[in-house]
Amino acid sequence: LVPAFFAALAPGTIGALGLTPAAR
């Protein structure tokens, strides 16, 4: 279920959570 959970996150949410450096 993990991939589906991250796929459902709104754009930019992952970066805000500190899960990826893409927002930098």
mmCIF file of all heavy atoms, coordinates in Angstrom:
data_MODEL
# 
_entry.id   MODEL 
# 
loop_
_atom_site.group_PDB 
_atom_site.id 
_atom_site.type_symbol 
_atom_site.label_atom_id 
_atom_site.label_alt_id 
_atom_site.label_comp_id 
_atom_site.label_asym_id 
_atom_site.label_entity_id 
_atom_site.label_seq_id 
_atom_site.pdbx_PDB_ins_code 
_atom_site.Cartn_x 
_atom_site.Cartn_y 
_atom_site.Cartn_z 
_atom_site.occupancy 
_atom_site.B_iso_or_equiv 
_atom_site.pdbx_formal_charge 
_atom_site.auth_seq_id 
_atom_site.auth_comp_id 
_atom_site.auth_asym_id 
_atom_site.auth_atom_id 
_atom_site.pdbx_PDB_model_num 
ATOM 1   N N   . LEU A 1 1  ? 0.809  -1.214 0.000  1.00 0.00 ? 1  LEU A N   1 
ATOM 2   C CA  . LEU A 1 1  ? 0.000  0.000  0.000  1.00 0.00 ? 1  LEU A CA  1 
ATOM 3   C C   . LEU A 1 1  ? 0.841  1.262  0.000  1.00 0.00 ? 1  LEU A C   1 
ATOM 4   O O   . LEU A 1 1  ? 0.336  2.345  -0.267 1.00 0.00 ? 1  LEU A O   1 
ATOM 5   C CB  . LEU A 1 1  ? -0.915 0.011  1.226  1.00 0.00 ? 1  LEU A CB  1 
ATOM 6   C CG  . LEU A 1 1  ? -1.899 -1.153 1.335  1.00 0.00 ? 1  LEU A CG  1 
ATOM 7   C CD1 . LEU A 1 1  ? -2.645 -1.062 2.653  1.00 0.00 ? 1  LEU A CD1 1 
ATOM 8   C CD2 . LEU A 1 1  ? -2.871 -1.152 0.172  1.00 0.00 ? 1  LEU A CD2 1 
ATOM 9   N N   . VAL A 1 2  ? 2.137  1.140  0.315  1.00 0.00 ? 2  VAL A N   1 
ATOM 10  C CA  . VAL A 1 2  ? 2.989  2.310  0.444  1.00 0.00 ? 2  VAL A CA  1 
ATOM 11  C C   . VAL A 1 2  ? 3.102  3.112  -0.843 1.00 0.00 ? 2  VAL A C   1 
ATOM 12  O O   . VAL A 1 2  ? 2.926  4.331  -0.852 1.00 0.00 ? 2  VAL A O   1 
ATOM 13  C CB  . VAL A 1 2  ? 4.384  1.921  0.977  1.00 0.00 ? 2  VAL A CB  1 
ATOM 14  C CG1 . VAL A 1 2  ? 5.318  3.135  0.985  1.00 0.00 ? 2  VAL A CG1 1 
ATOM 15  C CG2 . VAL A 1 2  ? 4.258  1.321  2.361  1.00 0.00 ? 2  VAL A CG2 1 
ATOM 16  N N   . PRO A 1 3  ? 3.406  2.469  -2.002 1.00 0.00 ? 3  PRO A N   1 
ATOM 17  C CA  . PRO A 1 3  ? 3.500  3.265  -3.230 1.00 0.00 ? 3  PRO A CA  1 
ATOM 18  C C   . PRO A 1 3  ? 2.210  4.003  -3.549 1.00 0.00 ? 3  PRO A C   1 
ATOM 19  O O   . PRO A 1 3  ? 2.231  5.146  -4.001 1.00 0.00 ? 3  PRO A O   1 
ATOM 20  C CB  . PRO A 1 3  ? 3.828  2.218  -4.300 1.00 0.00 ? 3  PRO A CB  1 
ATOM 21  C CG  . PRO A 1 3  ? 4.460  1.094  -3.552 1.00 0.00 ? 3  PRO A CG  1 
ATOM 22  C CD  . PRO A 1 3  ? 3.732  1.063  -2.242 1.00 0.00 ? 3  PRO A CD  1 
ATOM 23  N N   . ALA A 1 4  ? 1.069  3.336  -3.311 1.00 0.00 ? 4  ALA A N   1 
ATOM 24  C CA  . ALA A 1 4  ? -0.206 3.976  -3.588 1.00 0.00 ? 4  ALA A CA  1 
ATOM 25  C C   . ALA A 1 4  ? -0.425 5.177  -2.694 1.00 0.00 ? 4  ALA A C   1 
ATOM 26  O O   . ALA A 1 4  ? -0.986 6.192  -3.102 1.00 0.00 ? 4  ALA A O   1 
ATOM 27  C CB  . ALA A 1 4  ? -1.340 2.966  -3.396 1.00 0.00 ? 4  ALA A CB  1 
ATOM 28  N N   . PHE A 1 5  ? 0.058  5.094  -1.436 1.00 0.00 ? 5  PHE A N   1 
ATOM 29  C CA  . PHE A 1 5  ? -0.093 6.203  -0.494 1.00 0.00 ? 5  PHE A CA  1 
ATOM 30  C C   . PHE A 1 5  ? 0.663  7.442  -0.977 1.00 0.00 ? 5  PHE A C   1 
ATOM 31  O O   . PHE A 1 5  ? 0.137  8.540  -1.023 1.00 0.00 ? 5  PHE A O   1 
ATOM 32  C CB  . PHE A 1 5  ? 0.416  5.780  0.882  1.00 0.00 ? 5  PHE A CB  1 
ATOM 33  C CG  . PHE A 1 5  ? 0.565  6.922  1.839  1.00 0.00 ? 5  PHE A CG  1 
ATOM 34  C CD1 . PHE A 1 5  ? -0.553 7.486  2.443  1.00 0.00 ? 5  PHE A CD1 1 
ATOM 35  C CD2 . PHE A 1 5  ? 1.814  7.438  2.140  1.00 0.00 ? 5  PHE A CD2 1 
ATOM 36  C CE1 . PHE A 1 5  ? -0.423 8.537  3.329  1.00 0.00 ? 5  PHE A CE1 1 
ATOM 37  C CE2 . PHE A 1 5  ? 1.948  8.485  3.014  1.00 0.00 ? 5  PHE A CE2 1 
ATOM 38  C CZ  . PHE A 1 5  ? 0.821  9.031  3.614  1.00 0.00 ? 5  PHE A CZ  1 
ATOM 39  N N   . PHE A 1 6  ? 1.948  7.234  -1.397 1.00 0.00 ? 6  PHE A N   1 
ATOM 40  C CA  . PHE A 1 6  ? 2.731  8.364  -1.862 1.00 0.00 ? 6  PHE A CA  1 
ATOM 41  C C   . PHE A 1 6  ? 2.207  8.920  -3.176 1.00 0.00 ? 6  PHE A C   1 
ATOM 42  O O   . PHE A 1 6  ? 2.267  10.111 -3.428 1.00 0.00 ? 6  PHE A O   1 
ATOM 43  C CB  . PHE A 1 6  ? 4.205  7.970  -2.015 1.00 0.00 ? 6  PHE A CB  1 
ATOM 44  C CG  . PHE A 1 6  ? 4.913  7.862  -0.707 1.00 0.00 ? 6  PHE A CG  1 
ATOM 45  C CD1 . PHE A 1 6  ? 5.350  6.642  -0.228 1.00 0.00 ? 6  PHE A CD1 1 
ATOM 46  C CD2 . PHE A 1 6  ? 5.143  8.991  0.059  1.00 0.00 ? 6  PHE A CD2 1 
ATOM 47  C CE1 . PHE A 1 6  ? 5.992  6.555  0.988  1.00 0.00 ? 6  PHE A CE1 1 
ATOM 48  C CE2 . PHE A 1 6  ? 5.794  8.914  1.268  1.00 0.00 ? 6  PHE A CE2 1 
ATOM 49  C CZ  . PHE A 1 6  ? 6.216  7.683  1.730  1.00 0.00 ? 6  PHE A CZ  1 
ATOM 50  N N   . ALA A 1 7  ? 1.669  8.034  -4.053 1.00 0.00 ? 7  ALA A N   1 
ATOM 51  C CA  . ALA A 1 7  ? 1.133  8.494  -5.328 1.00 0.00 ? 7  ALA A CA  1 
ATOM 52  C C   . ALA A 1 7  ? -0.077 9.389  -5.131 1.00 0.00 ? 7  ALA A C   1 
ATOM 53  O O   . ALA A 1 7  ? -0.368 10.268 -5.937 1.00 0.00 ? 7  ALA A O   1 
ATOM 54  C CB  . ALA A 1 7  ? 0.755  7.290  -6.197 1.00 0.00 ? 7  ALA A CB  1 
ATOM 55  N N   . ALA A 1 8  ? -0.792 9.163  -4.019 1.00 0.00 ? 8  ALA A N   1 
ATOM 56  C CA  . ALA A 1 8  ? -2.006 9.941  -3.761 1.00 0.00 ? 8  ALA A CA  1 
ATOM 57  C C   . ALA A 1 8  ? -1.724 11.293 -3.147 1.00 0.00 ? 8  ALA A C   1 
ATOM 58  O O   . ALA A 1 8  ? -2.609 12.144 -3.076 1.00 0.00 ? 8  ALA A O   1 
ATOM 59  C CB  . ALA A 1 8  ? -2.938 9.146  -2.833 1.00 0.00 ? 8  ALA A CB  1 
ATOM 60  N N   . LEU A 1 9  ? -0.499 11.517 -2.683 1.00 0.00 ? 9  LEU A N   1 
ATOM 61  C CA  . LEU A 1 9  ? -0.180 12.803 -2.078 1.00 0.00 ? 9  LEU A CA  1 
ATOM 62  C C   . LEU A 1 9  ? -0.218 13.911 -3.118 1.00 0.00 ? 9  LEU A C   1 
ATOM 63  O O   . LEU A 1 9  ? 0.160  13.719 -4.274 1.00 0.00 ? 9  LEU A O   1 
ATOM 64  C CB  . LEU A 1 9  ? 1.221  12.765 -1.445 1.00 0.00 ? 9  LEU A CB  1 
ATOM 65  C CG  . LEU A 1 9  ? 1.354  11.934 -0.166 1.00 0.00 ? 9  LEU A CG  1 
ATOM 66  C CD1 . LEU A 1 9  ? 2.808  11.900 0.257  1.00 0.00 ? 9  LEU A CD1 1 
ATOM 67  C CD2 . LEU A 1 9  ? 0.490  12.487 0.945  1.00 0.00 ? 9  LEU A CD2 1 
ATOM 68  N N   . ALA A 1 10 ? -0.676 15.089 -2.699 1.00 0.00 ? 10 ALA A N   1 
ATOM 69  C CA  . ALA A 1 10 ? -0.719 16.226 -3.609 1.00 0.00 ? 10 ALA A CA  1 
ATOM 70  C C   . ALA A 1 10 ? 0.685  16.634 -3.993 1.00 0.00 ? 10 ALA A C   1 
ATOM 71  O O   . ALA A 1 10 ? 1.627  16.446 -3.221 1.00 0.00 ? 10 ALA A O   1 
ATOM 72  C CB  . ALA A 1 10 ? -1.438 17.398 -2.937 1.00 0.00 ? 10 ALA A CB  1 
ATOM 73  N N   . PRO A 1 11 ? 0.877  17.193 -5.191 1.00 0.00 ? 11 PRO A N   1 
ATOM 74  C CA  . PRO A 1 11 ? 2.216  17.648 -5.602 1.00 0.00 ? 11 PRO A CA  1 
ATOM 75  C C   . PRO A 1 11 ? 2.801  18.621 -4.587 1.00 0.00 ? 11 PRO A C   1 
ATOM 76  O O   . PRO A 1 11 ? 2.146  19.550 -4.158 1.00 0.00 ? 11 PRO A O   1 
ATOM 77  C CB  . PRO A 1 11 ? 1.932  18.356 -6.950 1.00 0.00 ? 11 PRO A CB  1 
ATOM 78  C CG  . PRO A 1 11 ? 0.666  17.732 -7.452 1.00 0.00 ? 11 PRO A CG  1 
ATOM 79  C CD  . PRO A 1 11 ? -0.142 17.406 -6.223 1.00 0.00 ? 11 PRO A CD  1 
ATOM 80  N N   . GLY A 1 12 ? 4.061  18.416 -4.239 1.00 0.00 ? 12 GLY A N   1 
ATOM 81  C CA  . GLY A 1 12 ? 4.732  19.299 -3.285 1.00 0.00 ? 12 GLY A CA  1 
ATOM 82  C C   . GLY A 1 12 ? 4.622  18.828 -1.856 1.00 0.00 ? 12 GLY A C   1 
ATOM 83  O O   . GLY A 1 12 ? 5.359  19.266 -1.000 1.00 0.00 ? 12 GLY A O   1 
ATOM 84  N N   . THR A 1 13 ? 3.671  17.905 -1.567 1.00 0.00 ? 13 THR A N   1 
ATOM 85  C CA  . THR A 1 13 ? 3.492  17.459 -0.189 1.00 0.00 ? 13 THR A CA  1 
ATOM 86  C C   . THR A 1 13 ? 4.688  16.676 0.292  1.00 0.00 ? 13 THR A C   1 
ATOM 87  O O   . THR A 1 13 ? 5.142  16.826 1.418  1.00 0.00 ? 13 THR A O   1 
ATOM 88  C CB  . THR A 1 13 ? 2.224  16.597 -0.070 1.00 0.00 ? 13 THR A CB  1 
ATOM 89  O OG1 . THR A 1 13 ? 1.113  17.355 -0.537 1.00 0.00 ? 13 THR A OG1 1 
ATOM 90  C CG2 . THR A 1 13 ? 2.008  16.186 1.366  1.00 0.00 ? 13 THR A CG2 1 
ATOM 91  N N   . ILE A 1 14 ? 5.231  15.829 -0.563 1.00 0.00 ? 14 ILE A N   1 
ATOM 92  C CA  . ILE A 1 14 ? 6.373  15.009 -0.166 1.00 0.00 ? 14 ILE A CA  1 
ATOM 93  C C   . ILE A 1 14 ? 7.558  15.896 0.198  1.00 0.00 ? 14 ILE A C   1 
ATOM 94  O O   . ILE A 1 14 ? 8.239  15.690 1.196  1.00 0.00 ? 14 ILE A O   1 
ATOM 95  C CB  . ILE A 1 14 ? 6.749  14.041 -1.300 1.00 0.00 ? 14 ILE A CB  1 
ATOM 96  C CG1 . ILE A 1 14 ? 5.610  13.040 -1.527 1.00 0.00 ? 14 ILE A CG1 1 
ATOM 97  C CG2 . ILE A 1 14 ? 8.033  13.292 -0.955 1.00 0.00 ? 14 ILE A CG2 1 
ATOM 98  C CD1 . ILE A 1 14 ? 5.873  12.079 -2.668 1.00 0.00 ? 14 ILE A CD1 1 
ATOM 99  N N   . GLY A 1 15 ? 7.788  16.957 -0.627 1.00 0.00 ? 15 GLY A N   1 
ATOM 100 C CA  . GLY A 1 15 ? 8.885  17.859 -0.326 1.00 0.00 ? 15 GLY A CA  1 
ATOM 101 C C   . GLY A 1 15 ? 8.682  18.576 0.978  1.00 0.00 ? 15 GLY A C   1 
ATOM 102 O O   . GLY A 1 15 ? 9.608  18.794 1.738  1.00 0.00 ? 15 GLY A O   1 
ATOM 103 N N   . ALA A 1 16 ? 7.439  18.948 1.273  1.00 0.00 ? 16 ALA A N   1 
ATOM 104 C CA  . ALA A 1 16 ? 7.145  19.653 2.515  1.00 0.00 ? 16 ALA A CA  1 
ATOM 105 C C   . ALA A 1 16 ? 7.403  18.768 3.714  1.00 0.00 ? 16 ALA A C   1 
ATOM 106 O O   . ALA A 1 16 ? 7.743  19.237 4.793  1.00 0.00 ? 16 ALA A O   1 
ATOM 107 C CB  . ALA A 1 16 ? 5.686  20.123 2.521  1.00 0.00 ? 16 ALA A CB  1 
ATOM 108 N N   . LEU A 1 17 ? 7.244  17.455 3.527  1.00 0.00 ? 17 LEU A N   1 
ATOM 109 C CA  . LEU A 1 17 ? 7.489  16.523 4.625  1.00 0.00 ? 17 LEU A CA  1 
ATOM 110 C C   . LEU A 1 17 ? 8.965  16.176 4.760  1.00 0.00 ? 17 LEU A C   1 
ATOM 111 O O   . LEU A 1 17 ? 9.354  15.433 5.642  1.00 0.00 ? 17 LEU A O   1 
ATOM 112 C CB  . LEU A 1 17 ? 6.689  15.234 4.401  1.00 0.00 ? 17 LEU A CB  1 
ATOM 113 C CG  . LEU A 1 17 ? 5.162  15.382 4.466  1.00 0.00 ? 17 LEU A CG  1 
ATOM 114 C CD1 . LEU A 1 17 ? 4.501  14.056 4.086  1.00 0.00 ? 17 LEU A CD1 1 
ATOM 115 C CD2 . LEU A 1 17 ? 4.721  15.809 5.846  1.00 0.00 ? 17 LEU A CD2 1 
ATOM 116 N N   . GLY A 1 18 ? 9.780  16.683 3.836  1.00 0.00 ? 18 GLY A N   1 
ATOM 117 C CA  . GLY A 1 18 ? 11.206 16.408 3.908  1.00 0.00 ? 18 GLY A CA  1 
ATOM 118 C C   . GLY A 1 18 ? 11.561 15.048 3.369  1.00 0.00 ? 18 GLY A C   1 
ATOM 119 O O   . GLY A 1 18 ? 12.606 14.493 3.702  1.00 0.00 ? 18 GLY A O   1 
ATOM 120 N N   . LEU A 1 19 ? 10.715 14.456 2.508  1.00 0.00 ? 19 LEU A N   1 
ATOM 121 C CA  . LEU A 1 19 ? 10.953 13.114 2.020  1.00 0.00 ? 19 LEU A CA  1 
ATOM 122 C C   . LEU A 1 19 ? 11.759 13.092 0.729  1.00 0.00 ? 19 LEU A C   1 
ATOM 123 O O   . LEU A 1 19 ? 12.179 12.038 0.290  1.00 0.00 ? 19 LEU A O   1 
ATOM 124 C CB  . LEU A 1 19 ? 9.606  12.404 1.793  1.00 0.00 ? 19 LEU A CB  1 
ATOM 125 C CG  . LEU A 1 19 ? 8.735  12.286 3.045  1.00 0.00 ? 19 LEU A CG  1 
ATOM 126 C CD1 . LEU A 1 19 ? 7.384  11.703 2.687  1.00 0.00 ? 19 LEU A CD1 1 
ATOM 127 C CD2 . LEU A 1 19 ? 9.412  11.425 4.092  1.00 0.00 ? 19 LEU A CD2 1 
ATOM 128 N N   . THR A 1 20 ? 11.945 14.230 0.099  1.00 0.00 ? 20 THR A N   1 
ATOM 129 C CA  . THR A 1 20 ? 12.726 14.302 -1.125 1.00 0.00 ? 20 THR A CA  1 
ATOM 130 C C   . THR A 1 20 ? 13.318 15.694 -1.239 1.00 0.00 ? 20 THR A C   1 
ATOM 131 O O   . THR A 1 20 ? 12.695 16.678 -0.840 1.00 0.00 ? 20 THR A O   1 
ATOM 132 C CB  . THR A 1 20 ? 11.856 14.002 -2.363 1.00 0.00 ? 20 THR A CB  1 
ATOM 133 O OG1 . THR A 1 20 ? 12.663 14.195 -3.534 1.00 0.00 ? 20 THR A OG1 1 
ATOM 134 C CG2 . THR A 1 20 ? 10.667 14.925 -2.437 1.00 0.00 ? 20 THR A CG2 1 
ATOM 135 N N   . PRO A 1 21 ? 14.529 15.833 -1.806 1.00 0.00 ? 21 PRO A N   1 
ATOM 136 C CA  . PRO A 1 21 ? 15.134 17.151 -1.957 1.00 0.00 ? 21 PRO A CA  1 
ATOM 137 C C   . PRO A 1 21 ? 14.711 17.855 -3.235 1.00 0.00 ? 21 PRO A C   1 
ATOM 138 O O   . PRO A 1 21 ? 15.274 18.885 -3.587 1.00 0.00 ? 21 PRO A O   1 
ATOM 139 C CB  . PRO A 1 21 ? 16.637 16.826 -1.982 1.00 0.00 ? 21 PRO A CB  1 
ATOM 140 C CG  . PRO A 1 21 ? 16.702 15.477 -2.611 1.00 0.00 ? 21 PRO A CG  1 
ATOM 141 C CD  . PRO A 1 21 ? 15.461 14.737 -2.112 1.00 0.00 ? 21 PRO A CD  1 
ATOM 142 N N   . ALA A 1 22 ? 13.709 17.319 -3.959 1.00 0.00 ? 22 ALA A N   1 
ATOM 143 C CA  . ALA A 1 22 ? 13.336 17.895 -5.252 1.00 0.00 ? 22 ALA A CA  1 
ATOM 144 C C   . ALA A 1 22 ? 12.939 19.356 -5.148 1.00 0.00 ? 22 ALA A C   1 
ATOM 145 O O   . ALA A 1 22 ? 13.211 20.154 -6.037 1.00 0.00 ? 22 ALA A O   1 
ATOM 146 C CB  . ALA A 1 22 ? 12.186 17.085 -5.857 1.00 0.00 ? 22 ALA A CB  1 
ATOM 147 N N   . ALA A 1 23 ? 12.274 19.730 -4.029 1.00 0.00 ? 23 ALA A N   1 
ATOM 148 C CA  . ALA A 1 23 ? 11.795 21.105 -3.889 1.00 0.00 ? 23 ALA A CA  1 
ATOM 149 C C   . ALA A 1 23 ? 12.929 22.110 -3.811 1.00 0.00 ? 23 ALA A C   1 
ATOM 150 O O   . ALA A 1 23 ? 12.737 23.291 -4.026 1.00 0.00 ? 23 ALA A O   1 
ATOM 151 C CB  . ALA A 1 23 ? 10.913 21.227 -2.650 1.00 0.00 ? 23 ALA A CB  1 
ATOM 152 N N   . ARG A 1 24 ? 14.153 21.654 -3.508 1.00 0.00 ? 24 ARG A N   1 
ATOM 153 C CA  . ARG A 1 24 ? 15.257 22.576 -3.355 1.00 0.00 ? 24 ARG A CA  1 
ATOM 154 C C   . ARG A 1 24 ? 15.631 23.256 -4.661 1.00 0.00 ? 24 ARG A C   1 
ATOM 155 O O   . ARG A 1 24 ? 16.337 24.241 -4.670 1.00 0.00 ? 24 ARG A O   1 
ATOM 156 C CB  . ARG A 1 24 ? 16.465 21.845 -2.780 1.00 0.00 ? 24 ARG A CB  1 
ATOM 157 C CG  . ARG A 1 24 ? 16.161 21.197 -1.435 1.00 0.00 ? 24 ARG A CG  1 
ATOM 158 C CD  . ARG A 1 24 ? 17.301 21.319 -0.494 1.00 0.00 ? 24 ARG A CD  1 
ATOM 159 N NE  . ARG A 1 24 ? 16.952 20.895 0.835  1.00 0.00 ? 24 ARG A NE  1 
ATOM 160 C CZ  . ARG A 1 24 ? 17.838 20.792 1.805  1.00 0.00 ? 24 ARG A CZ  1 
ATOM 161 N NH1 . ARG A 1 24 ? 19.082 21.075 1.576  1.00 0.00 ? 24 ARG A NH1 1 
ATOM 162 N NH2 . ARG A 1 24 ? 17.458 20.425 3.006  1.00 0.00 ? 24 ARG A NH2 1 
# 
